[in-house]
Every structure is written in C-alpha cells, then in structure tokens.
Amino acid sequence: MTVQTLPGSIDETLALLDSAGYVADRALATVLHLALKMKRPLFLEGEAGVGKTEIAKVLSQTLNRDLIRLQCYEGLDVSSAVYEWNYPAQMVEIRVSEAAGETDRADLSSSIFDERFLIKRPVLQALEPSSKGPPIFLIDELDRADEAFEAFLLEVLADSQVTIPELGTITAEEPPIVIITTNRTREIHDALKRRCLYHWVDYPDAERELEIVRKKVPGAPERLAAEVVAFVQALRSDEDLFKQPGVAETLDWATALSELSEIALDPDMASDTLGVLLKYQDDIERVRGSKVRQLVEDIRKDTTRAQTTLTSTG
C-alpha cells in the first residue's frame, strides 16, 4: 500500500474519514484539515466513548502511517514515555572494557551512553523518520497523567524534539501528526493548549448517530437501529445518570441485540441487556423496568406520529 497524501480540503478530509466509516461533522473535519495543513497538534476533548481516539486510528489507516500510541496514566514518567537506558547491557559493556584494560572514564562514558543502549519509548519513536512519512502520534487520555509530565510534553509539541542529557537534543526531520485526547477529568494547562488546535467532540445528534450505527453495525435491522439510537438519545437527556452512554456503547448495544436476533426494541430484552449500554449499577437500576418500558413506549408513539404526519403531507 502506497503512502497517501494529506487531504487538500475540508471536503477531502470529510471523505477521508468517511472512507474508514468515521461519520464526522464539518466542524471536526475543518479543524482536522487545519491541523494537518499547519502541522500542529490537535487537542480533542469530550466525554468518554465519543470517538476521539478513533480519529487517530482512522488517520493511520487511511494515510498508511504508523500509529504510535502513548496511553497516559497516573505516575507516567520519562522512562516509560520517552526513553530509558539498557542498564544490563551497559554493565556488560563496562566489564568487557575493564577486562580489555580500557579504563579511561571519558571514553567509557561515551561508549555506554550510546544509541546502541537506548531503549526508545513512544515519544522517541514518534520523532524517528519513516519511509511511510511522519507517524500518527496518539497521546491518549492526557488528563490521567500528572501535571509534571504534561509540562515535559511542551518541548515535544512546540519543536518536535526531546532532550536527552547524555546525548543532547533529538529533533524530528518532520513533525509527527499529533492527536491528544482527554476526557476532562482535570483541566489541562493553557501552556499546552496554546501549542495545539482545539476541538470539543460532542455526542452526535440522532441523525448522525443512526448513520454511525448503519456503518458500524450493518447487520442491525433498520427498525432496531433507529429505536436503539432514539433510546440512547433519550437517556442522554437524563441528568441523574452517573455516566451517559457514549457512541461506543450505542454500537455495542446495537451489536448485542442484533446477535440476539432482535428486530426492534423489546422492553424486557432491553432491561436484560442494559449492562452493555450502562456501566454503573446505580444507572442500570434507575433505568431498568418501568423507565425502559416508558422510553420504548414513547419511541413507538413518536414513530407512529411521524409516519402519520408523513402520510398526511404526502
């Protein structure tokens, strides 16, 4: 597969995403096009499960670029994210040198702090040249990392370089395509945001979410897909839920109900499978039973009303 050129317009960016089954709105395609054209990192915020990480995967697939993923977590440090030295191999080198009578400290130091003994982690890997072109560098869930690590990333994002005390500064020949995601469990410092283009990835409206289900779960009956989307859209308006279902959960639920040979939402089956859609027991108990029945009944009424209106106007 040959390396794909970057999209030359917003419409081409939309088409690129669509070719991989990612249904994006024009605002997202616009900021993504600008990030690619300006060679700036793209900072994506939004609730979990709305498709932020998927954007990096789609770019890797459609542009035929390597995907390098840095999964952030509390306690993430330079040795895990950037590099570390292969200490066992360095010790062997020292012993071999001593056995050969090489005792000059300066020569020994330059010998062991060599790229041969450097273990490259995601940040360094993202700065390396590739025959495919600059890779897609996904910094996933940055809000889970500590602020100290966030500060460390400033040099990487601003200048596509990293400084290793023993080796000096390593700079990318071409900046990687950087996608940063956060679920907003904490605020990210303005200094980092200033180095990026920003976009809030929201839950899709019903029309776009139904299109996503059609693309990602093509085996789902049309009526089932429409009712699943309507049900999820209604749930998201419930402010008492601890965690509203994301698009990922919508797709899982549509897939699960299709696997069970459902052709439409059945209140009992919907209640029994809520664990696919909702991930907290309190939310499941709040929705299960009477609320599920009421939501399904309301969906059916809205569908009947819409059909009646369509018939009368036709």
Protein backbone atom coordinates (compact mmCIF):
# COMPACT_ATOMS: atom_id res chain seq x y z
CA MET A 1 0.00 0.00 0.00
CA THR A 2 1.41 3.38 -1.01
CA VAL A 3 1.64 6.39 1.26
CA GLN A 4 -1.45 8.55 0.91
CA THR A 5 -1.13 12.31 0.52
CA LEU A 6 -2.80 14.54 3.06
CA PRO A 7 -6.30 15.78 2.16
CA GLY A 8 -6.18 19.09 0.36
CA SER A 9 -9.51 20.50 1.53
CA ILE A 10 -12.20 20.18 4.19
CA ASP A 11 -14.36 18.14 1.81
CA GLU A 12 -11.46 15.77 1.14
CA THR A 13 -10.93 15.41 4.89
CA LEU A 14 -14.61 14.53 5.33
CA ALA A 15 -14.32 11.99 2.52
CA LEU A 16 -11.15 10.53 4.06
CA LEU A 17 -12.86 9.98 7.40
CA ASP A 18 -15.98 8.61 5.71
CA SER A 19 -13.92 6.11 3.71
CA ALA A 20 -12.96 4.46 7.01
CA GLY A 21 -16.51 4.54 8.36
CA TYR A 22 -15.99 7.56 10.64
CA VAL A 23 -19.01 9.87 10.45
CA ALA A 24 -17.73 13.36 11.30
CA ASP A 25 -19.41 16.74 11.27
CA ARG A 26 -17.93 19.56 9.22
CA ALA A 27 -16.52 21.40 12.24
CA LEU A 28 -14.36 18.41 13.19
CA ALA A 29 -13.24 17.92 9.58
CA THR A 30 -12.30 21.60 9.39
CA VAL A 31 -10.07 21.63 12.47
CA LEU A 32 -8.51 18.29 11.48
CA HIS A 33 -7.74 19.63 8.00
CA LEU A 34 -6.13 22.71 9.53
CA ALA A 35 -4.07 20.62 11.97
CA LEU A 36 -2.71 18.54 9.11
CA LYS A 37 -2.04 21.55 6.89
CA MET A 38 -0.46 23.69 9.63
CA LYS A 39 1.41 20.72 11.17
CA ARG A 40 0.00 21.50 14.58
CA PRO A 41 -1.07 19.03 17.29
CA LEU A 42 -4.83 18.51 17.56
CA PHE A 43 -6.22 18.60 21.10
CA LEU A 44 -9.54 16.74 21.41
CA GLU A 45 -11.73 16.97 24.49
CA GLY A 46 -15.02 15.22 25.11
CA GLU A 47 -16.80 12.56 27.11
CA ALA A 48 -15.50 9.01 27.03
CA GLY A 49 -16.76 6.97 24.09
CA VAL A 50 -17.50 9.78 21.62
CA GLY A 51 -14.80 8.74 19.13
CA LYS A 52 -11.73 10.85 19.97
CA THR A 53 -9.19 8.01 19.92
CA GLU A 54 -10.79 6.57 16.80
CA ILE A 55 -9.72 9.64 14.81
CA ALA A 56 -6.05 8.74 15.23
CA LYS A 57 -6.74 5.14 14.21
CA VAL A 58 -8.63 6.28 11.12
CA LEU A 59 -5.80 8.62 10.09
CA SER A 60 -3.28 5.79 10.49
CA GLN A 61 -5.43 3.51 8.34
CA THR A 62 -6.35 5.96 5.59
CA LEU A 63 -2.95 7.68 5.30
CA ASN A 64 -0.99 4.43 5.70
CA ARG A 65 1.08 5.88 8.53
CA ASP A 66 2.36 4.10 11.61
CA LEU A 67 0.26 4.64 14.73
CA ILE A 68 2.32 5.24 17.86
CA ARG A 69 0.17 5.34 20.98
CA LEU A 70 1.15 6.74 24.35
CA GLN A 71 -1.51 5.65 26.84
CA CYS A 72 -1.36 8.05 29.77
CA TYR A 73 -1.86 7.08 33.40
CA GLU A 74 -1.09 8.43 36.85
CA GLY A 75 2.64 8.16 37.53
CA LEU A 76 3.68 8.10 33.87
CA ASP A 77 7.29 9.28 33.68
CA VAL A 78 10.06 9.89 31.17
CA SER A 79 11.47 6.36 31.39
CA SER A 80 8.10 4.90 30.36
CA ALA A 81 7.13 7.54 27.80
CA VAL A 82 10.37 8.74 26.22
CA TYR A 83 13.43 6.56 26.82
CA GLU A 84 15.49 4.61 29.28
CA TRP A 85 18.95 3.10 29.22
CA ASN A 86 19.53 -0.63 28.91
CA TYR A 87 21.42 -0.93 32.20
CA PRO A 88 22.23 -4.69 31.99
CA ALA A 89 23.79 -4.22 28.53
CA GLN A 90 25.71 -1.18 29.77
CA MET A 91 27.12 -3.19 32.68
CA VAL A 92 28.31 -5.89 30.27
CA GLU A 93 29.98 -3.21 28.16
CA ILE A 94 31.74 -1.81 31.22
CA ARG A 95 33.04 -5.21 32.28
CA VAL A 96 34.25 -6.04 28.78
CA SER A 97 36.07 -2.71 28.58
CA GLU A 98 37.68 -3.20 32.01
CA ALA A 99 38.78 -6.70 31.07
CA ALA A 100 40.40 -5.28 27.94
CA GLY A 101 42.26 -2.72 30.03
CA GLU A 102 40.24 0.26 28.85
CA THR A 103 39.91 2.42 31.96
CA ASP A 104 39.61 5.96 30.56
CA ARG A 105 36.42 7.28 32.15
CA ALA A 106 35.59 9.70 29.32
CA ASP A 107 35.90 7.03 26.67
CA LEU A 108 33.93 4.57 28.77
CA SER A 109 31.16 7.09 29.39
CA SER A 110 30.80 7.90 25.69
CA SER A 111 30.82 4.19 24.93
CA ILE A 112 27.99 3.19 27.26
CA PHE A 113 25.81 6.26 26.66
CA ASP A 114 25.40 5.41 23.03
CA GLU A 115 22.22 4.87 20.99
CA ARG A 116 23.03 1.15 20.99
CA PHE A 117 21.92 1.06 24.63
CA LEU A 118 18.96 3.42 24.27
CA ILE A 119 15.52 1.88 24.69
CA LYS A 120 13.12 4.09 22.75
CA ARG A 121 9.63 4.63 24.13
CA PRO A 122 6.65 6.15 22.24
CA VAL A 123 7.79 9.80 22.30
CA LEU A 124 11.18 8.99 20.78
CA GLN A 125 9.63 6.53 18.34
CA ALA A 126 7.29 9.28 17.11
CA LEU A 127 10.27 11.53 16.30
CA GLU A 128 12.07 8.93 14.20
CA PRO A 129 11.99 9.18 10.38
CA SER A 130 9.92 6.62 8.49
CA SER A 131 9.64 5.63 4.85
CA LYS A 132 5.86 5.95 5.23
CA GLY A 133 6.10 9.56 6.34
CA PRO A 134 5.61 11.11 9.80
CA PRO A 135 3.62 8.75 12.04
CA ILE A 136 0.34 9.39 13.82
CA PHE A 137 1.32 10.05 17.43
CA LEU A 138 -1.66 9.48 19.74
CA ILE A 139 -1.28 10.85 23.28
CA ASP A 140 -4.36 9.23 24.77
CA GLU A 141 -6.18 10.43 27.91
CA LEU A 142 -3.60 13.05 28.87
CA ASP A 143 -5.76 14.09 31.81
CA ARG A 144 -4.81 10.83 33.55
CA ALA A 145 -1.11 11.80 33.62
CA ASP A 146 0.46 14.10 36.20
CA GLU A 147 0.99 17.81 35.56
CA ALA A 148 4.77 17.29 35.65
CA PHE A 149 4.58 15.01 32.63
CA GLU A 150 2.24 17.43 30.90
CA ALA A 151 4.93 20.12 31.31
CA PHE A 152 7.55 17.79 29.85
CA LEU A 153 5.49 17.47 26.65
CA LEU A 154 5.77 21.19 25.89
CA GLU A 155 9.16 20.80 24.16
CA VAL A 156 7.86 17.86 22.13
CA LEU A 157 4.72 19.68 20.98
CA ALA A 158 6.36 23.04 20.29
CA ASP A 159 9.53 21.92 18.50
CA SER A 160 9.09 18.19 17.76
CA GLN A 161 12.18 17.47 19.79
CA VAL A 162 13.28 15.96 23.06
CA THR A 163 16.45 16.47 25.10
CA ILE A 164 18.38 13.51 26.47
CA PRO A 165 21.09 14.75 28.86
CA GLU A 166 23.65 12.11 27.82
CA LEU A 167 23.05 12.51 24.06
CA GLY A 168 21.75 16.02 23.51
CA THR A 169 18.67 17.17 21.60
CA ILE A 170 16.93 14.82 19.18
CA THR A 171 14.74 16.59 16.62
CA ALA A 172 12.30 15.05 14.16
CA GLU A 173 13.04 15.59 10.47
CA GLU A 174 9.29 16.12 10.01
CA PRO A 175 6.81 16.70 12.85
CA PRO A 176 4.58 13.71 13.62
CA ILE A 177 0.82 14.09 13.28
CA VAL A 178 -0.10 14.52 16.93
CA ILE A 179 -3.56 13.75 18.31
CA ILE A 180 -4.09 14.44 22.03
CA THR A 181 -7.24 13.25 23.78
CA THR A 182 -8.65 13.99 27.22
CA ASN A 183 -11.87 13.05 28.97
CA ARG A 184 -11.61 16.26 31.02
CA THR A 185 -11.26 14.59 34.42
CA ARG A 186 -8.96 17.53 35.16
CA GLU A 187 -8.08 20.74 33.35
CA ILE A 188 -5.04 20.74 31.07
CA HIS A 189 -2.70 23.74 31.44
CA ASP A 190 -3.09 26.62 28.99
CA ALA A 191 0.60 26.39 28.02
CA LEU A 192 -0.04 23.01 26.42
CA LYS A 193 -3.32 24.02 24.81
CA ARG A 194 -1.66 27.06 23.18
CA ARG A 195 0.56 24.71 21.21
CA CYS A 196 -2.44 22.87 19.74
CA LEU A 197 -5.57 23.37 17.71
CA TYR A 198 -8.62 22.56 19.83
CA HIS A 199 -11.92 20.79 19.26
CA TRP A 200 -14.65 19.57 21.60
CA VAL A 201 -16.03 16.23 20.38
CA ASP A 202 -19.67 16.14 21.45
CA TYR A 203 -22.26 13.39 21.38
CA PRO A 204 -23.73 13.17 17.86
CA ASP A 205 -27.31 14.14 17.14
CA ALA A 206 -29.80 11.37 16.36
CA GLU A 207 -29.38 11.57 12.59
CA ARG A 208 -25.59 11.28 12.70
CA GLU A 209 -25.63 8.58 15.37
CA LEU A 210 -28.03 6.50 13.27
CA GLU A 211 -25.67 6.87 10.32
CA ILE A 212 -22.80 5.69 12.53
CA VAL A 213 -24.79 2.61 13.60
CA ARG A 214 -25.66 1.82 9.97
CA LYS A 215 -21.98 1.96 9.00
CA LYS A 216 -20.52 0.15 12.01
CA VAL A 217 -23.30 -2.42 12.59
CA PRO A 218 -24.57 -3.11 9.07
CA GLY A 219 -26.31 -6.30 10.22
CA ALA A 220 -28.67 -4.46 12.56
CA PRO A 221 -32.28 -4.27 11.30
CA GLU A 222 -33.26 -0.73 10.36
CA ARG A 223 -36.06 -0.52 12.92
CA LEU A 224 -33.83 -1.82 15.71
CA ALA A 225 -31.05 0.63 14.81
CA ALA A 226 -33.48 3.57 14.81
CA GLU A 227 -35.04 2.59 18.15
CA VAL A 228 -31.67 1.95 19.80
CA VAL A 229 -30.48 5.41 18.76
CA ALA A 230 -33.71 7.05 19.93
CA PHE A 231 -33.44 5.23 23.28
CA VAL A 232 -29.82 6.32 23.81
CA GLN A 233 -30.59 9.90 22.79
CA ALA A 234 -33.39 9.97 25.37
CA LEU A 235 -31.11 8.55 28.07
CA ARG A 236 -28.54 11.28 27.48
CA SER A 237 -31.12 13.87 28.48
CA ASP A 238 -31.34 12.25 31.93
CA GLU A 239 -29.10 14.43 34.08
CA ASP A 240 -29.32 12.00 37.00
CA LEU A 241 -27.29 9.32 35.23
CA PHE A 242 -23.77 8.98 36.61
CA LYS A 243 -22.34 8.18 33.16
CA GLN A 244 -24.22 8.80 29.95
CA PRO A 245 -23.68 6.18 27.25
CA GLY A 246 -21.23 7.10 24.51
CA VAL A 247 -21.31 6.18 20.84
CA ALA A 248 -19.15 3.14 21.60
CA GLU A 249 -21.86 1.84 23.95
CA THR A 250 -24.57 2.52 21.35
CA LEU A 251 -22.66 0.38 18.86
CA ASP A 252 -22.10 -2.38 21.42
CA TRP A 253 -25.79 -2.45 22.31
CA ALA A 254 -26.94 -2.49 18.69
CA THR A 255 -24.49 -5.32 18.01
CA ALA A 256 -25.60 -7.29 21.08
CA LEU A 257 -29.31 -7.01 20.25
CA SER A 258 -28.61 -8.00 16.64
CA GLU A 259 -26.73 -11.06 17.89
CA LEU A 260 -29.85 -11.95 19.88
CA SER A 261 -31.90 -11.74 16.65
CA GLU A 262 -33.96 -8.77 17.86
CA ILE A 263 -35.63 -6.75 15.12
CA ALA A 264 -36.97 -4.00 17.39
CA LEU A 265 -36.54 -2.85 20.97
CA ASP A 266 -38.32 -5.17 23.38
CA PRO A 267 -38.64 -3.71 26.92
CA ASP A 268 -37.75 -6.98 28.64
CA MET A 269 -34.74 -7.67 26.43
CA ALA A 270 -33.65 -4.04 26.73
CA SER A 271 -33.71 -4.32 30.54
CA ASP A 272 -31.78 -7.59 30.47
CA THR A 273 -29.03 -6.15 28.27
CA LEU A 274 -28.58 -2.75 29.93
CA GLY A 275 -25.15 -3.84 31.17
CA VAL A 276 -23.94 -3.49 27.57
CA LEU A 277 -25.12 0.12 27.44
CA LEU A 278 -24.62 1.38 31.00
CA LYS A 279 -21.55 0.69 33.13
CA TYR A 280 -22.70 1.62 36.63
CA GLN A 281 -25.13 -0.42 38.70
CA ASP A 282 -26.93 2.65 40.05
CA ASP A 283 -27.63 3.80 36.48
CA ILE A 284 -28.87 0.34 35.48
CA GLU A 285 -31.23 0.16 38.46
CA ARG A 286 -32.50 3.65 37.70
CA VAL A 287 -33.38 2.76 34.10
CA ARG A 288 -34.36 -0.92 34.33
CA GLY A 289 -38.02 -1.92 34.34
CA SER A 290 -40.62 0.82 34.23
CA LYS A 291 -38.36 3.51 32.79
CA VAL A 292 -37.28 1.23 29.95
CA ARG A 293 -40.93 0.46 29.18
CA GLN A 294 -41.83 4.15 29.23
CA LEU A 295 -38.96 5.07 26.92
CA VAL A 296 -39.80 2.31 24.44
CA GLU A 297 -43.47 3.33 24.51
CA ASP A 298 -42.56 6.98 23.88
CA ILE A 299 -40.30 5.99 20.97
CA ARG A 300 -43.10 3.96 19.38
CA LYS A 301 -45.55 6.86 19.78
CA ASP A 302 -43.09 9.30 18.21
CA THR A 303 -42.52 6.91 15.32
CA THR A 304 -46.24 6.46 14.73
CA ARG A 305 -46.81 10.21 14.90
CA ALA A 306 -44.00 10.86 12.41
CA GLN A 307 -45.37 8.25 10.00
CA THR A 308 -48.86 9.71 10.24
CA THR A 309 -47.54 13.21 9.54
CA LEU A 310 -45.52 11.94 6.58
CA THR A 311 -48.56 10.16 5.14
CA SER A 312 -50.86 13.18 5.54
CA THR A 313 -48.37 15.56 3.92
CA GLY A 314 -47.60 13.06 1.14
